[in-house]
Amino acid sequence: MRLTRNRHRPPAQQWAFVALIAALSAALWYGWFAWDTEYYYDATVGEMAGPYAIWQGIGAFLCSFVVVGLAYRLLHFVVALLALPAAFTVAWISTAVTMESNGLWAVGAVLVAVGTTLGSALMLGIAAVVENAGKRNRAPATTA
């Protein structure tokens, strides 16, 4: 079985790591966004805004570095690329369905899935580049 970067881990441990990363990815949605459903009046632009504030997006983005970094260290690249956006999107769907009745949540779900997949791919790719750069810097020098 090849769910994790270390293929010698027992299958139960590999699945546990996938579940951990999925739970952390879903927690990004629930912890930063799901609880905030109130729109507010923004006096600077004279319009209704929200429901999310900029600090929530920044906080989720910064926390995603930890989640994606952990996913990169524990999981095979493709497994991480599937688990991260899938869990975040399912978490988003679980709240969107309950707040909306005209079916547009499905369009939002596609947009969330595409966005989180692209974002996860970019962040996992950056993690791979950083790891490879670190390996090159640690490589022993050859003597002539």
C-alpha atoms as a PDB file:
ATOM      1  CA  MET A   1       0.000   0.000   0.000  1.00  0.00           C
ATOM      2  CA  ARG A   2       1.347   3.440  -0.839  1.00  0.00           C
ATOM      3  CA  LEU A   3      -0.666   6.128   0.937  1.00  0.00           C
ATOM      4  CA  THR A   4       2.238   7.599   2.864  1.00  0.00           C
ATOM      5  CA  ARG A   5       5.750   8.596   1.911  1.00  0.00           C
ATOM      6  CA  ASN A   6       7.024   5.687   3.996  1.00  0.00           C
ATOM      7  CA  ARG A   7       5.563   2.612   2.326  1.00  0.00           C
ATOM      8  CA  HIS A   8       6.715   0.398   5.177  1.00  0.00           C
ATOM      9  CA  ARG A   9       4.145   1.783   7.598  1.00  0.00           C
ATOM     10  CA  PRO A  10       1.306  -0.599   8.475  1.00  0.00           C
ATOM     11  CA  PRO A  11      -1.888  -0.018   6.443  1.00  0.00           C
ATOM     12  CA  ALA A  12      -3.851   1.076   9.523  1.00  0.00           C
ATOM     13  CA  GLN A  13      -1.259   3.751  10.266  1.00  0.00           C
ATOM     14  CA  GLN A  14      -1.294   4.939   6.654  1.00  0.00           C
ATOM     15  CA  TRP A  15      -5.086   5.286   6.722  1.00  0.00           C
ATOM     16  CA  ALA A  16      -4.850   7.036  10.091  1.00  0.00           C
ATOM     17  CA  PHE A  17      -2.519   9.638   8.572  1.00  0.00           C
ATOM     18  CA  VAL A  18      -4.917  10.177   5.663  1.00  0.00           C
ATOM     19  CA  ALA A  19      -7.782  10.613   8.149  1.00  0.00           C
ATOM     20  CA  LEU A  20      -5.689  13.039  10.223  1.00  0.00           C
ATOM     21  CA  ILE A  21      -4.892  15.225   7.207  1.00  0.00           C
ATOM     22  CA  ALA A  22      -8.522  15.125   6.066  1.00  0.00           C
ATOM     23  CA  ALA A  23      -9.695  16.153   9.539  1.00  0.00           C
ATOM     24  CA  LEU A  24      -7.195  19.020   9.677  1.00  0.00           C
ATOM     25  CA  SER A  25      -8.205  20.202   6.217  1.00  0.00           C
ATOM     26  CA  ALA A  26     -11.888  20.178   7.173  1.00  0.00           C
ATOM     27  CA  ALA A  27     -10.974  21.954  10.415  1.00  0.00           C
ATOM     28  CA  LEU A  28      -9.618  24.846   8.348  1.00  0.00           C
ATOM     29  CA  TRP A  29     -13.135  25.425   7.050  1.00  0.00           C
ATOM     30  CA  TYR A  30     -14.943  24.825  10.337  1.00  0.00           C
ATOM     31  CA  GLY A  31     -12.468  26.749  12.474  1.00  0.00           C
ATOM     32  CA  TRP A  32     -12.051  29.830  10.319  1.00  0.00           C
ATOM     33  CA  PHE A  33     -15.211  30.214   8.261  1.00  0.00           C
ATOM     34  CA  ALA A  34     -18.183  27.960   9.039  1.00  0.00           C
ATOM     35  CA  TRP A  35     -19.195  29.724  12.235  1.00  0.00           C
ATOM     36  CA  ASP A  36     -19.425  33.172  10.589  1.00  0.00           C
ATOM     37  CA  THR A  37     -22.692  33.567   8.684  1.00  0.00           C
ATOM     38  CA  GLU A  38     -23.485  37.232   9.382  1.00  0.00           C
ATOM     39  CA  TYR A  39     -23.210  39.936   6.746  1.00  0.00           C
ATOM     40  CA  TYR A  40     -22.329  43.427   7.927  1.00  0.00           C
ATOM     41  CA  TYR A  41     -22.486  46.976   6.615  1.00  0.00           C
ATOM     42  CA  ASP A  42     -19.085  48.272   5.500  1.00  0.00           C
ATOM     43  CA  ALA A  43     -19.233  52.042   5.900  1.00  0.00           C
ATOM     44  CA  THR A  44     -16.022  52.593   3.910  1.00  0.00           C
ATOM     45  CA  VAL A  45     -17.629  51.335   0.687  1.00  0.00           C
ATOM     46  CA  GLY A  46     -21.251  51.897   1.644  1.00  0.00           C
ATOM     47  CA  GLU A  47     -22.304  48.295   0.964  1.00  0.00           C
ATOM     48  CA  MET A  48     -23.069  45.072   2.731  1.00  0.00           C
ATOM     49  CA  ALA A  49     -20.010  42.855   3.095  1.00  0.00           C
ATOM     50  CA  GLY A  50     -19.112  39.475   4.455  1.00  0.00           C
ATOM     51  CA  PRO A  51     -19.809  37.112   5.868  1.00  0.00           C
ATOM     52  CA  TYR A  52     -16.045  36.627   6.134  1.00  0.00           C
ATOM     53  CA  ALA A  53     -13.500  39.208   7.211  1.00  0.00           C
ATOM     54  CA  ILE A  54     -10.011  39.513   5.785  1.00  0.00           C
ATOM     55  CA  TRP A  55      -8.441  38.305   9.025  1.00  0.00           C
ATOM     56  CA  GLN A  56     -10.276  34.982   8.663  1.00  0.00           C
ATOM     57  CA  GLY A  57      -8.840  34.422   5.193  1.00  0.00           C
ATOM     58  CA  ILE A  58      -5.340  35.331   6.332  1.00  0.00           C
ATOM     59  CA  GLY A  59      -5.615  33.078   9.374  1.00  0.00           C
ATOM     60  CA  ALA A  60      -6.851  30.132   7.315  1.00  0.00           C
ATOM     61  CA  PHE A  61      -4.129  30.719   4.725  1.00  0.00           C
ATOM     62  CA  LEU A  62      -1.397  30.754   7.369  1.00  0.00           C
ATOM     63  CA  CYS A  63      -2.787  27.649   9.074  1.00  0.00           C
ATOM     64  CA  SER A  64      -2.962  25.904   5.719  1.00  0.00           C
ATOM     65  CA  PHE A  65       0.852  26.061   5.544  1.00  0.00           C
ATOM     66  CA  VAL A  66       0.976  23.835   8.616  1.00  0.00           C
ATOM     67  CA  VAL A  67      -1.679  21.435   7.317  1.00  0.00           C
ATOM     68  CA  VAL A  68      -0.196  21.195   3.822  1.00  0.00           C
ATOM     69  CA  GLY A  69       3.327  20.907   5.208  1.00  0.00           C
ATOM     70  CA  LEU A  70       2.255  18.048   7.439  1.00  0.00           C
ATOM     71  CA  ALA A  71       0.404  16.415   4.533  1.00  0.00           C
ATOM     72  CA  TYR A  72       3.530  16.697   2.402  1.00  0.00           C
ATOM     73  CA  ARG A  73       5.703  15.117   5.105  1.00  0.00           C
ATOM     74  CA  LEU A  74       3.292  12.256   5.857  1.00  0.00           C
ATOM     75  CA  LEU A  75       1.421  11.405   2.673  1.00  0.00           C
ATOM     76  CA  HIS A  76       2.308  10.454  -0.853  1.00  0.00           C
ATOM     77  CA  PHE A  77       1.992  13.590  -3.032  1.00  0.00           C
ATOM     78  CA  VAL A  78      -1.053  12.349  -4.982  1.00  0.00           C
ATOM     79  CA  VAL A  79      -2.847  11.185  -1.825  1.00  0.00           C
ATOM     80  CA  ALA A  80      -2.278  14.595  -0.222  1.00  0.00           C
ATOM     81  CA  LEU A  81      -3.508  16.285  -3.395  1.00  0.00           C
ATOM     82  CA  LEU A  82      -6.720  14.255  -3.206  1.00  0.00           C
ATOM     83  CA  ALA A  83      -7.314  14.378   0.560  1.00  0.00           C
ATOM     84  CA  LEU A  84      -6.750  18.084   1.224  1.00  0.00           C
ATOM     85  CA  PRO A  85      -9.266  19.594  -1.214  1.00  0.00           C
ATOM     86  CA  ALA A  86     -11.780  16.766  -0.861  1.00  0.00           C
ATOM     87  CA  ALA A  87     -12.040  17.175   2.912  1.00  0.00           C
ATOM     88  CA  PHE A  88     -12.204  20.983   2.749  1.00  0.00           C
ATOM     89  CA  THR A  89     -14.871  20.836   0.040  1.00  0.00           C
ATOM     90  CA  VAL A  90     -16.993  18.283   1.910  1.00  0.00           C
ATOM     91  CA  ALA A  91     -16.782  20.469   5.020  1.00  0.00           C
ATOM     92  CA  TRP A  92     -17.839  23.496   2.960  1.00  0.00           C
ATOM     93  CA  ILE A  93     -20.747  21.549   1.443  1.00  0.00           C
ATOM     94  CA  SER A  94     -21.929  20.455   4.890  1.00  0.00           C
ATOM     95  CA  THR A  95     -22.547  24.071   5.862  1.00  0.00           C
ATOM     96  CA  ALA A  96     -23.583  25.458   2.457  1.00  0.00           C
ATOM     97  CA  VAL A  97     -26.397  22.956   1.982  1.00  0.00           C
ATOM     98  CA  THR A  98     -27.999  23.923   5.275  1.00  0.00           C
ATOM     99  CA  MET A  99     -27.907  27.670   4.555  1.00  0.00           C
ATOM    100  CA  GLU A 100     -29.145  27.720   0.971  1.00  0.00           C
ATOM    101  CA  SER A 101     -32.245  26.309  -0.701  1.00  0.00           C
ATOM    102  CA  ASN A 102     -32.021  27.075  -4.425  1.00  0.00           C
ATOM    103  CA  GLY A 103     -29.307  24.565  -5.361  1.00  0.00           C
ATOM    104  CA  LEU A 104     -26.537  27.065  -6.055  1.00  0.00           C
ATOM    105  CA  TRP A 105     -24.448  25.390  -3.385  1.00  0.00           C
ATOM    106  CA  ALA A 106     -23.497  22.830  -6.071  1.00  0.00           C
ATOM    107  CA  VAL A 107     -21.916  25.565  -8.192  1.00  0.00           C
ATOM    108  CA  GLY A 108     -20.106  26.843  -5.128  1.00  0.00           C
ATOM    109  CA  ALA A 109     -18.925  23.332  -4.342  1.00  0.00           C
ATOM    110  CA  VAL A 110     -17.346  23.005  -7.779  1.00  0.00           C
ATOM    111  CA  LEU A 111     -15.633  26.366  -7.357  1.00  0.00           C
ATOM    112  CA  VAL A 112     -14.386  25.451  -3.881  1.00  0.00           C
ATOM    113  CA  ALA A 113     -13.144  22.072  -5.134  1.00  0.00           C
ATOM    114  CA  VAL A 114     -11.280  23.590  -8.072  1.00  0.00           C
ATOM    115  CA  GLY A 115      -9.817  26.394  -5.976  1.00  0.00           C
ATOM    116  CA  THR A 116      -8.661  24.151  -3.154  1.00  0.00           C
ATOM    117  CA  THR A 117      -7.217  21.630  -5.597  1.00  0.00           C
ATOM    118  CA  LEU A 118      -5.216  24.309  -7.396  1.00  0.00           C
ATOM    119  CA  GLY A 119      -4.124  25.860  -4.094  1.00  0.00           C
ATOM    120  CA  SER A 120      -3.133  22.486  -2.656  1.00  0.00           C
ATOM    121  CA  ALA A 121      -1.189  21.593  -5.798  1.00  0.00           C
ATOM    122  CA  LEU A 122       0.680  24.893  -5.648  1.00  0.00           C
ATOM    123  CA  MET A 123       1.487  24.574  -1.953  1.00  0.00           C
ATOM    124  CA  LEU A 124       2.518  20.910  -2.233  1.00  0.00           C
ATOM    125  CA  GLY A 125       4.690  21.824  -5.227  1.00  0.00           C
ATOM    126  CA  ILE A 126       6.357  24.584  -3.232  1.00  0.00           C
ATOM    127  CA  ALA A 127       6.971  22.105  -0.401  1.00  0.00           C
ATOM    128  CA  ALA A 128       8.639  19.726  -2.869  1.00  0.00           C
ATOM    129  CA  VAL A 129      10.870  22.496  -4.249  1.00  0.00           C
ATOM    130  CA  VAL A 130      11.872  23.580  -0.744  1.00  0.00           C
ATOM    131  CA  GLU A 131      12.659  19.992   0.237  1.00  0.00           C
ATOM    132  CA  ASN A 132      14.761  19.410  -2.886  1.00  0.00           C
ATOM    133  CA  ALA A 133      16.644  22.674  -2.366  1.00  0.00           C
ATOM    134  CA  GLY A 134      17.400  21.610   1.196  1.00  0.00           C
ATOM    135  CA  LYS A 135      18.679  18.229   0.041  1.00  0.00           C
ATOM    136  CA  ARG A 136      21.015  19.849  -2.483  1.00  0.00           C
ATOM    137  CA  ASN A 137      22.433  22.162   0.174  1.00  0.00           C
ATOM    138  CA  ARG A 138      23.106  19.209   2.495  1.00  0.00           C
ATOM    139  CA  ALA A 139      24.728  17.035  -0.177  1.00  0.00           C
ATOM    140  CA  PRO A 140      28.348  16.235   0.716  1.00  0.00           C
ATOM    141  CA  ALA A 141      30.929  18.023  -1.384  1.00  0.00           C
ATOM    142  CA  THR A 142      32.963  15.843  -3.700  1.00  0.00           C
ATOM    143  CA  THR A 143      36.717  16.027  -3.509  1.00  0.00           C
ATOM    144  CA  ALA A 144      38.780  16.285  -6.627  1.00  0.00           C
END
